[in-house]
Amino acid sequence: MLRPLVQQLFSHTPQSNLYHYTSFAGLLGIVSSKVLWASDVRYMNDAAELHHTLDLLTEVIHDRIARGDNKAPLLAHFAQWINERLNQGHMLFAASFRANGNLLSQWRGYSSIGKGVSLGFHPEHILKWANAQQFQIGRCIYDSDRQHQLVQQAIDCVCQMQLPEAELFAAVETDLLRLAVLLKHPSFREEDEWRLVLPVIHHDLDPRVKFREGSTMLKPYTEFTLHSPSQPMALEHVYLGPTPDSTLSINSLRLFFRQHQLLPKQGIEDSQIPYRAC
């Protein structure tokens, strides 16, 4: 079965702070609402989120068919099915964190010049919030060999299941999506990303599904609440992104966090990246 393989990937827990990059506007919203937006992975900033896994699956399937695999008819139908369902199937929501809170590529991608922070959370706090909301956390995998191994194992699982095709494909869809959300192109390796993932939502009328304005379309999302009965919202550390006046900006951030009783335990730190570099 595919599920134990995927569950194993979500069994690893972070051991150090995890950072969420955002703009000042995002910061104001997060602190006032104590909520992060977890987007449907098809609508996240990286437009190729699921296509990388789709390409890996298709490559392995076509290779097996070319080598005369005795499950060739099933594999051909499976390739056709995943091409449709990974792009247009059930929704899967994820919120992104980075192990490194001070990356130039992330300042460029998640905030405008002089208006970015990365919010560092203690991993135990994230896990408590996740457990209270049925989210799971997994570390993204960038190693090409490991990715191919996982894709081969996933296809092995599909070939071994004794179900009619329609039932078989429906049975593995959720786990395939959860696998896909952790496989990222090796070029993004420096991000060292962890993802909070909500188990697949099957119906667009689910009240957890909300919409926000994107640059060119409405984007579906759901909320991840940054507090629980056992763990109130707390910040461990904050980086200020590249800015022309870090001293004044850090001072205003400190006043803001103090007002909201959220002063980071390990303080607020300037990124030390030259302003012009962004």
Protein backbone atom coordinates (compact mmCIF):
# COMPACT_ATOMS: atom_id res chain seq x y z
CA MET A 1 0.00 0.00 0.00
CA LEU A 2 1.08 3.55 -0.74
CA ARG A 3 -0.10 5.09 2.53
CA PRO A 4 2.61 3.65 4.84
CA LEU A 5 5.29 4.95 2.46
CA VAL A 6 3.83 8.46 2.53
CA GLN A 7 3.17 8.38 6.27
CA GLN A 8 6.84 7.64 6.83
CA LEU A 9 7.74 10.85 4.99
CA PHE A 10 5.54 12.83 7.37
CA SER A 11 6.97 11.16 10.47
CA HIS A 12 10.13 13.31 10.61
CA THR A 13 9.95 16.26 12.99
CA PRO A 14 11.94 19.52 12.80
CA GLN A 15 14.55 20.09 15.51
CA SER A 16 15.19 23.83 15.11
CA ASN A 17 13.26 27.01 14.40
CA LEU A 18 11.18 27.14 11.25
CA TYR A 19 10.72 30.45 9.45
CA HIS A 20 7.82 31.87 7.49
CA TYR A 21 8.74 34.67 5.08
CA THR A 22 6.23 37.46 4.58
CA SER A 23 5.79 41.15 3.78
CA PHE A 24 4.95 43.83 6.34
CA ALA A 25 1.34 43.65 5.17
CA GLY A 26 1.41 39.91 5.74
CA LEU A 27 2.96 40.41 9.17
CA LEU A 28 0.15 42.78 10.21
CA GLY A 29 -2.44 40.25 9.08
CA ILE A 30 -0.76 37.26 10.72
CA VAL A 31 -0.35 38.96 14.09
CA SER A 32 -3.85 40.44 14.17
CA SER A 33 -5.58 37.20 13.13
CA LYS A 34 -3.07 34.67 14.56
CA VAL A 35 -3.57 32.75 11.34
CA LEU A 36 -1.45 31.65 8.37
CA TRP A 37 -2.96 31.01 4.97
CA ALA A 38 -2.34 27.51 3.65
CA SER A 39 -2.81 27.63 -0.13
CA ASP A 40 -3.94 24.93 -2.50
CA VAL A 41 -0.58 23.71 -3.79
CA ARG A 42 -1.61 24.34 -7.40
CA TYR A 43 -1.83 28.05 -6.61
CA MET A 44 1.36 28.51 -4.59
CA ASN A 45 4.11 30.93 -5.70
CA ASP A 46 6.00 28.21 -7.57
CA ALA A 47 3.76 27.47 -10.56
CA ALA A 48 5.45 24.09 -11.08
CA GLU A 49 4.61 22.70 -7.62
CA LEU A 50 3.00 19.46 -8.80
CA HIS A 51 4.39 19.28 -12.32
CA HIS A 52 7.79 18.11 -11.10
CA THR A 53 6.27 14.99 -9.55
CA LEU A 54 3.99 14.50 -12.55
CA ASP A 55 7.05 14.56 -14.82
CA LEU A 56 8.86 12.03 -12.60
CA LEU A 57 5.88 9.67 -12.56
CA THR A 58 5.39 9.95 -16.31
CA GLU A 59 9.07 9.31 -17.01
CA VAL A 60 9.16 6.16 -14.88
CA ILE A 61 5.86 4.85 -16.28
CA HIS A 62 6.94 5.34 -19.90
CA ASP A 63 10.25 3.65 -19.16
CA ARG A 64 8.50 0.62 -17.67
CA ILE A 65 6.12 0.39 -20.62
CA ALA A 66 9.04 0.61 -23.07
CA ARG A 67 10.77 -2.26 -21.24
CA GLY A 68 7.70 -4.47 -21.64
CA ASP A 69 6.33 -4.37 -18.09
CA ASN A 70 3.53 -6.90 -17.71
CA LYS A 71 1.37 -4.15 -16.19
CA ALA A 72 1.79 -1.95 -19.27
CA PRO A 73 -1.97 -1.46 -19.95
CA LEU A 74 -2.59 -0.45 -16.33
CA LEU A 75 0.43 1.87 -16.36
CA ALA A 76 -0.73 3.56 -19.57
CA HIS A 77 -4.13 4.25 -18.05
CA PHE A 78 -2.47 5.40 -14.82
CA ALA A 79 -0.29 7.91 -16.70
CA GLN A 80 -3.36 9.34 -18.41
CA TRP A 81 -5.24 9.54 -15.11
CA ILE A 82 -2.51 11.29 -13.09
CA ASN A 83 -2.04 13.88 -15.84
CA GLU A 84 -5.64 14.90 -15.29
CA ARG A 85 -6.04 14.41 -11.54
CA LEU A 86 -2.81 15.93 -10.25
CA ASN A 87 -3.75 19.10 -12.10
CA GLN A 88 -7.51 19.20 -11.60
CA GLY A 89 -8.34 16.76 -8.81
CA HIS A 90 -8.89 17.12 -5.08
CA MET A 91 -7.53 20.15 -3.25
CA LEU A 92 -4.45 19.88 -1.05
CA PHE A 93 -3.53 22.81 1.18
CA ALA A 94 -0.04 23.60 2.45
CA ALA A 95 1.78 26.33 4.36
CA SER A 96 5.51 26.79 3.81
CA PHE A 97 8.33 27.21 6.31
CA ARG A 98 12.08 27.35 5.81
CA ALA A 99 14.83 26.01 8.04
CA ASN A 100 16.92 29.04 7.00
CA GLY A 101 15.30 32.35 7.90
CA ASN A 102 17.74 34.56 6.01
CA LEU A 103 17.92 33.68 2.32
CA LEU A 104 18.26 36.33 -0.39
CA SER A 105 16.14 34.29 -2.80
CA GLN A 106 13.30 34.24 -0.28
CA TRP A 107 13.50 37.97 0.43
CA ARG A 108 13.17 38.53 -3.29
CA GLY A 109 10.30 36.09 -3.67
CA TYR A 110 8.15 36.88 -0.66
CA SER A 111 8.54 40.59 0.03
CA SER A 112 9.18 43.88 -1.70
CA ILE A 113 12.39 45.82 -1.10
CA GLY A 114 12.69 46.97 2.50
CA LYS A 115 9.40 45.39 3.57
CA GLY A 116 10.11 41.81 4.58
CA VAL A 117 10.42 39.70 7.72
CA SER A 118 10.80 36.01 8.41
CA LEU A 119 8.99 34.82 11.49
CA GLY A 120 10.75 32.07 13.42
CA PHE A 121 8.61 29.58 15.33
CA HIS A 122 9.73 26.92 17.78
CA PRO A 123 9.20 23.49 16.18
CA GLU A 124 7.34 22.14 19.22
CA HIS A 125 4.84 24.99 18.98
CA ILE A 126 4.21 24.28 15.30
CA LEU A 127 3.66 20.61 16.03
CA LYS A 128 1.15 21.37 18.79
CA TRP A 129 -0.81 23.70 16.52
CA ALA A 130 -0.67 21.17 13.70
CA ASN A 131 -1.89 18.28 15.85
CA ALA A 132 -4.83 20.37 17.08
CA GLN A 133 -5.92 21.04 13.48
CA GLN A 134 -5.20 17.68 11.79
CA PHE A 135 -2.30 19.15 9.78
CA GLN A 136 0.86 17.10 9.17
CA ILE A 137 4.38 18.41 8.71
CA GLY A 138 6.89 17.03 6.23
CA ARG A 139 10.33 18.00 5.00
CA CYS A 140 10.69 18.58 1.27
CA ILE A 141 12.94 16.18 -0.63
CA TYR A 142 15.34 17.58 -3.24
CA ASP A 143 17.70 14.67 -3.91
CA SER A 144 17.04 13.30 -7.41
CA ASP A 145 17.98 9.70 -6.57
CA ARG A 146 15.69 9.68 -3.54
CA GLN A 147 12.87 11.16 -5.58
CA HIS A 148 13.17 8.51 -8.27
CA GLN A 149 13.29 5.80 -5.62
CA LEU A 150 10.07 7.09 -4.04
CA VAL A 151 8.32 7.36 -7.38
CA GLN A 152 9.34 3.79 -8.27
CA GLN A 153 8.00 2.58 -4.92
CA ALA A 154 4.74 4.45 -5.44
CA ILE A 155 4.25 2.86 -8.86
CA ASP A 156 5.12 -0.57 -7.42
CA CYS A 157 2.34 -0.06 -4.86
CA VAL A 158 -0.15 0.81 -7.59
CA CYS A 159 0.80 -2.28 -9.63
CA GLN A 160 0.42 -4.58 -6.62
CA MET A 161 -3.06 -3.43 -5.58
CA GLN A 162 -5.83 -5.84 -6.53
CA LEU A 163 -8.64 -3.44 -7.38
CA PRO A 164 -10.52 -2.41 -10.51
CA GLU A 165 -8.75 0.52 -12.17
CA ALA A 166 -11.23 3.23 -11.20
CA GLU A 167 -11.24 2.14 -7.56
CA LEU A 168 -7.47 1.72 -7.53
CA PHE A 169 -6.75 5.19 -8.85
CA ALA A 170 -9.24 6.77 -6.46
CA ALA A 171 -7.67 4.86 -3.55
CA VAL A 172 -4.18 6.26 -4.19
CA GLU A 173 -5.07 9.84 -5.17
CA THR A 174 -4.79 11.36 -1.71
CA ASP A 175 -1.44 9.72 -0.98
CA LEU A 176 -0.04 10.62 -4.40
CA LEU A 177 -0.87 14.28 -3.75
CA ARG A 178 0.76 14.15 -0.32
CA LEU A 179 3.86 12.62 -1.88
CA ALA A 180 3.89 15.21 -4.67
CA VAL A 181 3.82 18.14 -2.28
CA LEU A 182 7.13 17.04 -0.74
CA LEU A 183 9.07 16.42 -3.96
CA LYS A 184 10.67 19.67 -5.12
CA HIS A 185 13.04 20.37 -7.97
CA PRO A 186 16.69 20.03 -6.85
CA SER A 187 17.37 23.66 -7.87
CA PHE A 188 15.38 24.78 -4.81
CA ARG A 189 17.57 22.79 -2.41
CA GLU A 190 18.90 25.82 -0.50
CA GLU A 191 15.40 26.60 0.76
CA ASP A 192 15.32 23.49 3.00
CA GLU A 193 11.55 23.77 3.08
CA TRP A 194 9.12 22.13 5.49
CA ARG A 195 5.43 22.00 4.66
CA LEU A 196 2.38 21.89 6.85
CA VAL A 197 -0.19 19.89 4.92
CA LEU A 198 -3.90 19.48 5.51
CA PRO A 199 -5.25 16.08 4.42
CA VAL A 200 -6.97 16.31 1.07
CA ILE A 201 -10.26 18.21 0.91
CA HIS A 202 -12.60 16.43 -1.49
CA HIS A 203 -15.43 18.96 -1.79
CA ASP A 204 -15.20 22.61 -2.80
CA LEU A 205 -18.21 23.32 -0.57
CA ASP A 206 -16.19 22.38 2.53
CA PRO A 207 -16.42 25.45 4.85
CA ARG A 208 -12.65 25.33 5.40
CA VAL A 209 -12.12 26.40 1.78
CA LYS A 210 -11.77 30.17 1.40
CA PHE A 211 -10.63 32.43 -1.43
CA ARG A 212 -8.31 35.43 -1.69
CA GLU A 213 -7.31 37.75 -4.48
CA GLY A 214 -4.16 36.78 -6.35
CA SER A 215 -2.29 38.75 -8.99
CA THR A 216 -4.29 37.24 -11.86
CA MET A 217 -6.97 35.02 -10.27
CA LEU A 218 -8.79 34.03 -7.11
CA LYS A 219 -6.71 31.60 -5.05
CA PRO A 220 -8.23 28.95 -2.75
CA TYR A 221 -6.77 28.64 0.72
CA THR A 222 -7.57 27.42 4.21
CA GLU A 223 -6.48 28.74 7.58
CA PHE A 224 -3.77 27.42 9.87
CA THR A 225 -4.31 28.84 13.34
CA LEU A 226 -1.17 29.83 15.24
CA HIS A 227 -2.46 28.90 18.67
CA SER A 228 -4.16 26.03 20.45
CA PRO A 229 -5.54 25.36 23.95
CA SER A 230 -2.14 23.97 24.97
CA GLN A 231 0.05 26.51 23.15
CA PRO A 232 -0.72 30.22 22.64
CA MET A 233 0.87 32.07 19.74
CA ALA A 234 4.56 32.78 20.35
CA LEU A 235 7.53 33.87 18.27
CA GLU A 236 11.00 32.46 18.82
CA HIS A 237 13.06 34.67 16.51
CA VAL A 238 12.56 37.21 13.71
CA TYR A 239 14.78 38.31 10.84
CA LEU A 240 14.31 41.72 9.24
CA GLY A 241 14.89 41.61 5.50
CA PRO A 242 17.18 43.93 3.54
CA THR A 243 16.20 47.54 4.22
CA PRO A 244 17.74 51.03 3.93
CA ASP A 245 17.33 51.74 7.66
CA SER A 246 17.52 48.59 9.75
CA THR A 247 17.90 50.42 13.08
CA LEU A 248 14.62 52.31 12.78
CA SER A 249 12.83 49.32 11.28
CA ILE A 250 13.92 46.95 14.04
CA ASN A 251 12.85 49.52 16.63
CA SER A 252 9.35 49.80 15.14
CA LEU A 253 9.09 46.00 14.92
CA ARG A 254 10.05 45.73 18.57
CA LEU A 255 7.36 48.25 19.54
CA PHE A 256 4.81 46.40 17.40
CA PHE A 257 5.57 42.99 18.90
CA ARG A 258 5.59 44.41 22.42
CA GLN A 259 2.15 45.91 21.85
CA HIS A 260 0.87 42.48 20.85
CA GLN A 261 2.77 40.66 23.62
CA LEU A 262 4.75 38.73 21.01
CA LEU A 263 8.34 39.82 21.57
CA PRO A 264 10.49 37.07 19.99
CA LYS A 265 12.31 35.06 22.64
CA GLN A 266 15.60 35.16 20.68
CA GLY A 267 15.15 38.74 19.51
CA ILE A 268 14.90 40.54 16.16
CA GLU A 269 17.93 40.31 13.90
CA ASP A 270 18.95 42.31 10.83
CA SER A 271 19.54 40.13 7.76
CA GLN A 272 22.89 41.92 7.14
CA ILE A 273 22.23 41.56 3.41
CA PRO A 274 23.04 44.82 1.57
CA TYR A 275 19.89 46.70 0.66
CA ARG A 276 20.94 47.10 -2.98
CA ALA A 277 21.37 43.30 -3.35
CA CYS A 278 17.62 42.89 -3.49
